[in-house]
Protein backbone atom coordinates (compact mmCIF):
# COMPACT_ATOMS: atom_id res chain seq x y z
CA UNK A 1 0.00 0.02 -0.10
CA UNK A 2 1.32 3.34 -1.04
CA UNK A 3 0.91 5.77 1.87
CA UNK A 4 -0.14 9.59 0.93
CA UNK A 5 -0.03 12.19 3.58
CA UNK A 6 -2.63 14.75 2.77
CA UNK A 7 -3.27 16.00 6.20
CA UNK A 8 -3.91 19.59 5.15
CA UNK A 9 -5.78 19.05 1.81
CA UNK A 10 -8.24 16.67 3.22
CA UNK A 11 -9.25 19.35 5.82
CA UNK A 12 -9.88 22.37 3.47
CA UNK A 13 -11.90 23.04 0.43
CA UNK A 14 -9.50 25.64 -0.65
CA UNK A 15 -8.08 25.28 -4.23
CA UNK A 16 -4.63 26.73 -4.09
CA UNK A 17 -2.23 25.62 -6.42
CA UNK A 18 -0.74 23.14 -3.95
CA UNK A 19 -4.11 21.69 -3.13
CA UNK A 20 -4.64 21.32 -6.73
CA UNK A 21 -1.67 19.34 -7.07
CA UNK A 22 -2.36 17.33 -4.16
CA UNK A 23 -5.93 16.22 -5.27
CA UNK A 24 -4.77 15.46 -8.91
CA UNK A 25 -1.66 13.54 -7.78
CA UNK A 26 -4.00 11.44 -5.39
CA UNK A 27 -6.26 10.60 -7.98
CA UNK A 28 -3.78 9.91 -10.76
CA UNK A 29 -1.73 7.59 -8.21
CA UNK A 30 -4.94 5.84 -7.16
CA UNK A 31 -5.52 4.72 -10.56
CA UNK A 32 -2.61 2.90 -10.95
CA UNK A 33 -1.54 1.24 -7.71
CA UNK A 34 -3.22 0.69 -4.05
CA UNK A 35 -3.17 4.13 -2.57
CA UNK A 36 -4.02 4.99 1.24
CA UNK A 37 -4.47 8.69 1.86
CA UNK A 38 -3.78 9.62 5.55
CA UNK A 39 -3.78 12.26 8.16
CA UNK A 40 -2.12 13.11 11.14
CA UNK A 41 -5.00 13.56 13.74
CA UNK A 42 -3.55 16.27 16.31
CA UNK A 43 -6.61 15.58 18.78
CA UNK A 44 -5.54 11.82 18.92
CA UNK A 45 -1.92 12.66 18.50
CA UNK A 46 -1.79 9.75 15.81
CA UNK A 47 -1.62 8.85 12.18
CA UNK A 48 -4.80 7.49 10.68
CA UNK A 49 -6.52 6.74 7.41
CA UNK A 50 -9.26 9.33 6.27
CA UNK A 51 -12.73 9.13 7.40
CA UNK A 52 -15.47 9.42 4.93
CA UNK A 53 -15.86 13.34 5.30
CA UNK A 54 -12.19 13.77 5.01
CA UNK A 55 -12.19 11.75 1.47
CA UNK A 56 -15.11 13.70 0.26
CA UNK A 57 -13.18 16.91 1.03
CA UNK A 58 -9.85 15.51 -0.64
CA UNK A 59 -11.80 14.47 -3.71
CA UNK A 60 -13.44 17.59 -4.32
CA UNK A 61 -11.56 18.88 -7.51
CA UNK A 62 -14.16 20.68 -9.10
CA UNK A 63 -15.55 22.99 -6.60
CA UNK A 64 -14.88 26.70 -6.17
CA UNK A 65 -12.94 26.30 -3.12
CA UNK A 66 -13.17 28.11 0.47
CA UNK A 67 -12.07 31.29 1.54
CA UNK A 68 -10.29 29.72 4.34
CA UNK A 69 -6.90 28.12 3.58
CA UNK A 70 -6.48 26.78 6.95
CA UNK A 71 -7.67 23.30 7.89
CA UNK A 72 -11.01 22.74 9.57
CA UNK A 73 -11.76 20.11 11.97
CA UNK A 74 -15.44 19.46 13.07
CA UNK A 75 -15.97 19.92 17.02
CA UNK A 76 -17.39 16.25 17.13
CA UNK A 77 -14.01 14.95 15.34
CA UNK A 78 -11.81 16.96 17.92
CA UNK A 79 -13.64 15.66 20.89
CA UNK A 80 -13.60 12.09 19.87
CA UNK A 81 -10.03 12.35 19.36
CA UNK A 82 -9.39 13.89 22.65
CA UNK A 83 -11.17 11.08 24.09
CA UNK A 84 -9.50 8.39 22.28
CA UNK A 85 -6.29 10.00 23.40
CA UNK A 86 -7.17 10.10 27.16
CA UNK A 87 -8.13 6.50 27.33
CA UNK A 88 -5.20 5.46 25.07
CA UNK A 89 -7.10 4.06 22.35
CA UNK A 90 -5.40 5.82 19.48
CA UNK A 91 -5.80 4.40 16.21
CA UNK A 92 -2.64 2.09 14.99
CA UNK A 93 -0.20 3.94 12.76
CA UNK A 94 -1.01 2.86 9.00
CA UNK A 95 1.83 0.64 7.26
CA UNK A 96 2.90 1.26 3.61
CA UNK A 97 5.37 0.06 1.07
CA UNK A 98 6.28 3.79 0.38
CA UNK A 99 5.27 6.85 1.63
CA UNK A 100 4.69 10.28 -0.67
CA UNK A 101 4.24 13.78 1.11
CA UNK A 102 2.79 16.15 -1.66
CA UNK A 103 1.89 18.84 0.65
CA UNK A 104 4.23 21.59 2.52
CA UNK A 105 3.75 20.13 5.92
CA UNK A 106 3.82 22.03 9.45
CA UNK A 107 6.26 21.80 12.01
CA UNK A 108 3.57 19.72 14.08
CA UNK A 109 3.32 17.13 11.10
CA UNK A 110 7.30 17.00 11.07
CA UNK A 111 7.58 15.97 14.64
CA UNK A 112 5.03 13.25 13.87
CA UNK A 113 6.88 12.09 10.93
CA UNK A 114 9.36 9.50 12.91
CA UNK A 115 6.57 7.32 13.99
CA UNK A 116 5.00 7.31 10.49
CA UNK A 117 8.58 6.75 8.74
CA UNK A 118 9.05 3.48 11.06
CA UNK A 119 6.03 1.98 9.56
CA UNK A 120 7.19 2.41 5.94
CA UNK A 121 9.10 -0.31 4.69
CA UNK A 122 10.17 1.44 1.20
CA UNK A 123 11.08 5.09 0.43
CA UNK A 124 9.80 8.01 1.92
CA UNK A 125 9.43 10.92 -0.73
CA UNK A 126 8.57 14.49 -0.41
CA UNK A 127 7.46 16.98 -3.37
CA UNK A 128 8.98 20.09 -3.17
CA UNK A 129 7.14 23.12 -4.49
CA UNK A 130 8.94 26.26 -4.19
CA UNK A 131 11.34 28.29 -2.21
CA UNK A 132 9.30 31.67 -2.41
CA UNK A 133 9.50 32.24 1.26
CA UNK A 134 13.34 32.12 1.00
CA UNK A 135 13.82 34.31 -2.06
CA UNK A 136 10.84 36.75 -1.53
CA UNK A 137 10.20 37.13 2.03
CA UNK A 138 8.79 40.52 1.82
CA UNK A 139 5.74 39.11 -0.22
CA UNK A 140 5.29 35.99 2.24
CA UNK A 141 3.44 36.07 5.50
CA UNK A 142 5.94 36.49 8.56
CA UNK A 143 5.06 33.08 9.97
CA UNK A 144 5.75 31.22 6.70
CA UNK A 145 9.23 33.10 6.42
CA UNK A 146 10.09 32.02 10.17
CA UNK A 147 9.13 28.64 9.48
CA UNK A 148 10.69 27.81 6.09
CA UNK A 149 14.24 27.18 7.05
CA UNK A 150 13.38 24.54 9.40
CA UNK A 151 11.07 23.01 6.79
CA UNK A 152 14.04 22.94 4.07
CA UNK A 153 15.95 21.15 6.79
CA UNK A 154 13.23 18.68 7.84
CA UNK A 155 13.09 17.71 3.95
CA UNK A 156 16.63 15.90 4.75
CA UNK A 157 15.00 13.35 6.62
CA UNK A 158 13.47 11.86 3.54
CA UNK A 159 14.93 9.35 0.99
CA UNK A 160 14.37 11.51 -1.84
CA UNK A 161 12.63 14.91 -3.15
CA UNK A 162 10.58 15.36 -6.10
CA UNK A 163 10.76 19.06 -7.31
CA UNK A 164 7.80 20.35 -9.30
CA UNK A 165 10.04 22.33 -11.69
CA UNK A 166 13.91 22.49 -12.40
CA UNK A 167 13.99 25.91 -10.91
CA UNK A 168 12.62 24.48 -7.76
CA UNK A 169 14.97 21.64 -7.65
CA UNK A 170 17.99 24.03 -8.23
CA UNK A 171 16.59 26.39 -5.30
CA UNK A 172 16.67 23.46 -2.84
CA UNK A 173 19.94 21.98 -3.77
CA UNK A 174 21.58 25.49 -3.72
CA UNK A 175 20.18 26.07 0.02
CA UNK A 176 21.60 22.81 1.11
CA UNK A 177 24.83 23.43 -0.55
CA UNK A 178 24.70 26.83 1.23
CA UNK A 179 24.08 25.10 4.61
CA UNK A 180 27.21 22.73 3.97
CA UNK A 181 24.99 19.36 3.93
CA UNK A 182 27.32 16.72 3.30
CA UNK A 183 25.11 13.98 1.86
CA UNK A 184 21.44 15.12 0.88
CA UNK A 185 18.70 13.21 -0.37
CA UNK A 186 18.68 12.63 -4.29
CA UNK A 187 16.52 15.65 -5.68
CA UNK A 188 14.77 14.87 -9.16
CA UNK A 189 12.61 17.32 -11.31
CA UNK A 190 9.03 15.50 -11.52
CA UNK A 191 7.02 18.37 -13.19
CA UNK A 192 3.57 19.02 -12.53
CA UNK A 193 0.72 18.33 -15.08
CA UNK A 194 -1.88 20.36 -16.68
CA UNK A 195 -5.17 18.70 -17.80
CA UNK A 196 -8.39 19.90 -19.43
CA UNK A 197 -11.27 18.07 -18.91
CA UNK A 198 -12.23 16.16 -22.42
CA UNK A 199 -15.81 17.30 -22.12
CA UNK A 200 -14.84 21.09 -22.50
CA UNK A 201 -15.13 22.55 -26.01
CA UNK A 202 -12.35 23.14 -28.24
CA UNK A 203 -10.46 26.23 -27.52
CA UNK A 204 -12.17 29.19 -28.97
CA UNK A 205 -10.60 31.82 -31.25
CA UNK A 206 -9.98 35.19 -29.33
CA UNK A 207 -12.83 37.52 -29.26
CA UNK A 208 -12.32 40.44 -31.67
CA UNK A 209 -10.00 43.09 -31.12
CA UNK A 210 -11.85 45.66 -33.00
CA UNK A 211 -13.23 47.56 -30.04
CA UNK A 212 -10.21 47.99 -28.44
CA UNK A 213 -9.36 51.13 -30.11
CA UNK A 214 -12.89 52.21 -30.89
CA UNK A 215 -13.86 55.82 -29.87
CA UNK A 216 -16.11 55.65 -26.68
CA UNK A 217 -19.07 57.15 -28.23
CA UNK A 218 -18.84 54.84 -31.42
CA UNK A 219 -21.17 51.89 -31.98
CA UNK A 220 -18.31 49.49 -31.68
CA UNK A 221 -17.88 50.45 -28.17
CA UNK A 222 -21.16 49.26 -27.16
CA UNK A 223 -20.09 45.72 -28.29
CA UNK A 224 -18.27 43.14 -26.29
CA UNK A 225 -15.01 44.46 -25.23
CA UNK A 226 -11.69 42.24 -25.39
CA UNK A 227 -11.27 40.28 -22.12
CA UNK A 228 -8.04 39.97 -20.48
CA UNK A 229 -7.89 37.09 -17.76
CA UNK A 230 -5.67 36.54 -14.86
CA UNK A 231 -6.06 33.37 -12.71
CA UNK A 232 -4.09 33.13 -9.55
CA UNK A 233 -4.44 33.89 -5.82
CA UNK A 234 -4.35 37.44 -4.92
CA UNK A 235 -1.29 37.72 -2.86
CA UNK A 236 1.91 39.96 -2.78
CA UNK A 237 4.31 38.01 -5.07
CA UNK A 238 1.58 37.20 -7.49
CA UNK A 239 2.28 41.16 -8.45
CA UNK A 240 -1.55 41.95 -9.24
CA UNK A 241 -0.92 45.60 -8.00
CA UNK A 242 1.39 45.94 -10.97
CA UNK A 243 -1.13 44.55 -13.56
CA UNK A 244 -3.78 46.71 -12.12
CA UNK A 245 -1.78 49.61 -12.40
CA UNK A 246 -0.78 48.91 -16.07
CA UNK A 247 -4.47 48.60 -17.01
CA UNK A 248 -5.06 51.54 -15.19
CA UNK A 249 -2.96 53.46 -17.24
CA UNK A 250 -4.30 51.78 -20.65
CA UNK A 251 -7.69 52.81 -19.82
CA UNK A 252 -6.73 56.33 -19.11
CA UNK A 253 -5.24 56.47 -22.58
CA UNK A 254 -8.33 55.12 -24.00
CA UNK A 255 -7.86 51.62 -24.82
CA UNK A 256 -10.84 49.52 -24.09
CA UNK A 257 -11.05 46.11 -22.53
CA UNK A 258 -12.22 44.16 -19.78
CA UNK A 259 -9.98 42.93 -17.18
CA UNK A 260 -11.34 39.73 -15.22
CA UNK A 261 -9.62 38.55 -12.26
CA UNK A 262 -10.14 34.91 -10.63
CA UNK A 263 -8.61 33.76 -7.41
CA UNK A 264 -8.84 33.76 -3.75
CA UNK A 265 -7.35 36.70 -1.83
CA UNK A 266 -4.78 36.19 0.72
CA UNK A 267 -5.90 38.02 4.04
CA UNK A 268 -2.65 39.67 4.46
CA UNK A 269 -0.60 39.84 1.27
CA UNK A 270 -3.59 40.30 -0.96
CA UNK A 271 -4.77 43.41 0.70
CA UNK A 272 -3.00 45.87 -1.36
CA UNK A 273 -4.49 44.33 -4.48
CA UNK A 274 -8.06 44.20 -3.11
CA UNK A 275 -7.93 48.03 -2.36
CA UNK A 276 -6.89 48.82 -5.85
CA UNK A 277 -9.47 46.90 -7.36
CA UNK A 278 -12.10 48.50 -5.58
CA UNK A 279 -10.39 52.06 -6.53
CA UNK A 280 -10.65 51.28 -10.19
CA UNK A 281 -14.20 49.81 -9.87
CA UNK A 282 -15.28 52.70 -8.09
CA UNK A 283 -13.90 54.74 -11.02
CA UNK A 284 -16.21 52.80 -13.39
CA UNK A 285 -13.57 50.95 -15.18
CA UNK A 286 -14.38 47.44 -16.65
CA UNK A 287 -12.90 45.34 -13.86
CA UNK A 288 -14.31 42.22 -12.82
CA UNK A 289 -13.10 40.26 -9.87
CA UNK A 290 -14.82 36.91 -9.18
CA UNK A 291 -13.04 35.55 -6.42
CA UNK A 292 -12.42 31.38 -6.56
CA UNK A 293 -14.65 29.85 -8.83
CA UNK A 294 -15.46 26.02 -9.73
CA UNK A 295 -13.98 24.31 -12.67
CA UNK A 296 -16.89 25.04 -14.99
CA UNK A 297 -16.85 28.69 -14.44
CA UNK A 298 -12.81 28.88 -14.83
CA UNK A 299 -13.20 26.88 -18.14
CA UNK A 300 -15.83 29.28 -19.46
CA UNK A 301 -13.72 32.26 -18.39
CA UNK A 302 -10.83 30.95 -20.29
CA UNK A 303 -12.95 30.33 -23.45
CA UNK A 304 -14.31 33.83 -23.29
CA UNK A 305 -10.97 35.51 -22.97
CA UNK A 306 -8.77 36.94 -25.63
CA UNK A 307 -5.63 36.38 -23.86
CA UNK A 308 -4.30 36.12 -20.31
CA UNK A 309 -1.94 37.85 -18.09
CA UNK A 310 0.14 36.06 -15.12
CA UNK A 311 2.20 39.10 -13.58
CA UNK A 312 3.56 36.65 -10.89
CA UNK A 313 7.22 37.52 -9.66
CA UNK A 314 8.09 34.07 -8.77
CA UNK A 315 6.49 30.49 -8.80
CA UNK A 316 7.30 26.87 -8.19
CA UNK A 317 5.70 26.01 -11.31
CA UNK A 318 3.45 28.49 -12.43
CA UNK A 319 0.27 26.41 -13.29
CA UNK A 320 -2.11 29.10 -14.61
CA UNK A 321 0.43 29.83 -17.56
CA UNK A 322 0.31 26.25 -18.82
CA UNK A 323 -3.55 26.20 -18.02
CA UNK A 324 -3.93 29.13 -20.26
CA UNK A 325 -1.91 27.62 -23.04
CA UNK A 326 -3.94 24.35 -22.81
CA UNK A 327 -7.02 26.22 -23.10
CA UNK A 328 -5.52 27.83 -26.44
CA UNK A 329 -5.03 31.14 -24.84
CA UNK A 330 -1.61 33.16 -25.08
CA UNK A 331 -0.45 34.34 -21.92
CA UNK A 332 1.89 37.49 -20.89
CA UNK A 333 4.36 36.40 -18.22
CA UNK A 334 7.70 36.38 -16.62
CA UNK A 335 10.78 34.94 -18.76
CA UNK A 336 12.55 33.96 -15.55
CA UNK A 337 12.39 30.88 -13.17
CA UNK A 338 9.59 28.22 -13.11
CA UNK A 339 7.39 30.53 -14.97
CA UNK A 340 10.06 30.89 -17.85
CA UNK A 341 10.35 27.17 -18.17
CA UNK A 342 6.45 27.08 -18.66
CA UNK A 343 6.69 29.78 -21.31
CA UNK A 344 9.67 28.82 -23.36
CA UNK A 345 7.97 26.32 -25.78
CA UNK A 346 5.76 28.99 -27.35
CA UNK A 347 2.51 30.79 -26.80
CA UNK A 348 3.49 33.55 -24.48
CA UNK A 349 4.82 36.78 -24.27
CA UNK A 350 7.71 36.43 -21.90
CA UNK A 351 9.04 39.73 -20.11
CA UNK A 352 12.15 40.45 -18.52
CA UNK A 353 10.42 42.63 -15.93
CA UNK A 354 6.74 42.28 -14.98
CA UNK A 355 6.33 45.63 -13.64
CA UNK A 356 3.70 47.97 -14.61
CA UNK A 357 5.29 49.84 -17.48
CA UNK A 358 6.32 46.48 -19.22
CA UNK A 359 2.86 44.86 -18.62
CA UNK A 360 1.08 47.66 -20.15
CA UNK A 361 3.50 47.87 -23.19
CA UNK A 362 2.96 44.13 -23.64
CA UNK A 363 -0.85 44.23 -23.26
CA UNK A 364 -0.91 47.22 -25.55
CA UNK A 365 0.96 45.30 -27.92
CA UNK A 366 -1.44 42.37 -28.39
CA UNK A 367 -4.38 44.47 -28.28
CA UNK A 368 -3.21 46.63 -31.14
CA UNK A 369 -1.61 43.99 -33.16
CA UNK A 370 -3.84 41.24 -34.09
CA UNK A 371 -1.45 39.35 -36.26
CA UNK A 372 1.11 39.07 -33.18
CA UNK A 373 -1.64 37.78 -30.94
CA UNK A 374 -2.68 35.20 -33.62
CA UNK A 375 0.91 34.21 -34.13
CA UNK A 376 1.14 33.49 -30.19
CA UNK A 377 -2.26 31.73 -30.22
CA UNK A 378 -1.31 29.32 -32.85
CA UNK A 379 2.04 28.45 -30.89
CA UNK A 380 -0.34 27.79 -27.97
CA UNK A 381 -2.46 25.45 -29.96
CA UNK A 382 0.57 23.41 -30.90
CA UNK A 383 1.84 22.89 -27.44
CA UNK A 384 1.26 19.35 -25.81
CA UNK A 385 1.08 19.06 -21.99
CA UNK A 386 1.94 16.07 -19.52
CA UNK A 387 -1.09 14.48 -17.76
CA UNK A 388 -1.38 13.42 -14.32
CA UNK A 389 -1.22 9.89 -15.50
CA UNK A 390 2.21 10.73 -17.06
CA UNK A 391 3.34 12.30 -13.81
CA UNK A 392 2.27 9.38 -11.76
CA UNK A 393 3.94 7.01 -14.01
CA UNK A 394 7.25 8.84 -13.63
CA UNK A 395 7.06 9.29 -9.89
CA UNK A 396 6.20 5.63 -9.16
CA UNK A 397 9.09 4.48 -11.72
CA UNK A 398 11.44 6.82 -9.70
CA UNK A 399 10.14 5.43 -6.31
CA UNK A 400 10.78 1.79 -7.34
CA UNK A 401 14.53 2.23 -7.93
CA UNK A 402 15.09 4.84 -4.69
CA UNK A 403 16.84 3.05 -1.97
CA UNK A 404 16.32 3.66 1.59
CA UNK A 405 19.00 5.94 3.10
CA UNK A 406 20.51 5.05 6.39
């Protein structure tokens, strides 16, 4: 039995990038080998397999998610756990042939791993998503920044680490090298996948750009505007403030388009973007913010867009870039790091700097030059993408040959 630690994802309906990866990876692995998703129950102080309500949350891949990223435990579950702990009736720790940890685990979970590791006969593997807290601490919640160095050291206890991009892999190895770690576990790149449900229609051609430069009082101005879509949680490093500033400049110049934002707002680092959204909406600019949405709404948003912009400064993988391209929609994004890895095979206008002036120039270019946008769209349509089944095969193949460390 392959054990999967999904302690956080099985207790939140949030659909952040990490949660989407965990849910998709669990489903893909379960289709190939016997899998036991499990959770550390802090109330029992024990590892156990998921209960039905936890499985339902874990497998909720299509919902709009929750405004709360934190784990939620019903009162009855907490009381039951405390009672079992009090009478020393804790659930026996699950046993498995291997362990995969696809989440960013907490300090409490890390302290509980030795008990779980002792029950795993084969390799114990962690998935490494990114080093954003290390590289951009100014855009990261203070608690995450304080916790992160310990987390990077706790990864040394695993037999191997699967990084979601080459940039993430190098970031982790560089940190361990800086620490002077003499014999770190092997780190391989096993990239995330992007899948568009087969039930969705084929990618649409972009809506007409004819209205982008139409005078405000012309007949064309009353028709549908080109729609620029940006998908991703609103938080500091996602750089939405620069995107909103860029669009504000273009609207003031008379360029006509709608900006649509989709994603969960972070309660701390997303406040500046939320304030900017409210100010632009109060000024009657064509700006729509939907918050988190379900998969059907997201697919429809991609289908109705002219192109997308992903202004993030740094990512571990950059799922919205590849997701946009898989929908046949070109994307404006950074040329660097993991985002650059996603952009390099075509369909993107990759920028050296994703500040407001550069974003405004890129957006204006595609709105004013239909031929350039069409060239990018055709490049996006030629792209092929890994499936989660491909990712699961690669992960399982690596696991079979990965030795246990001492």
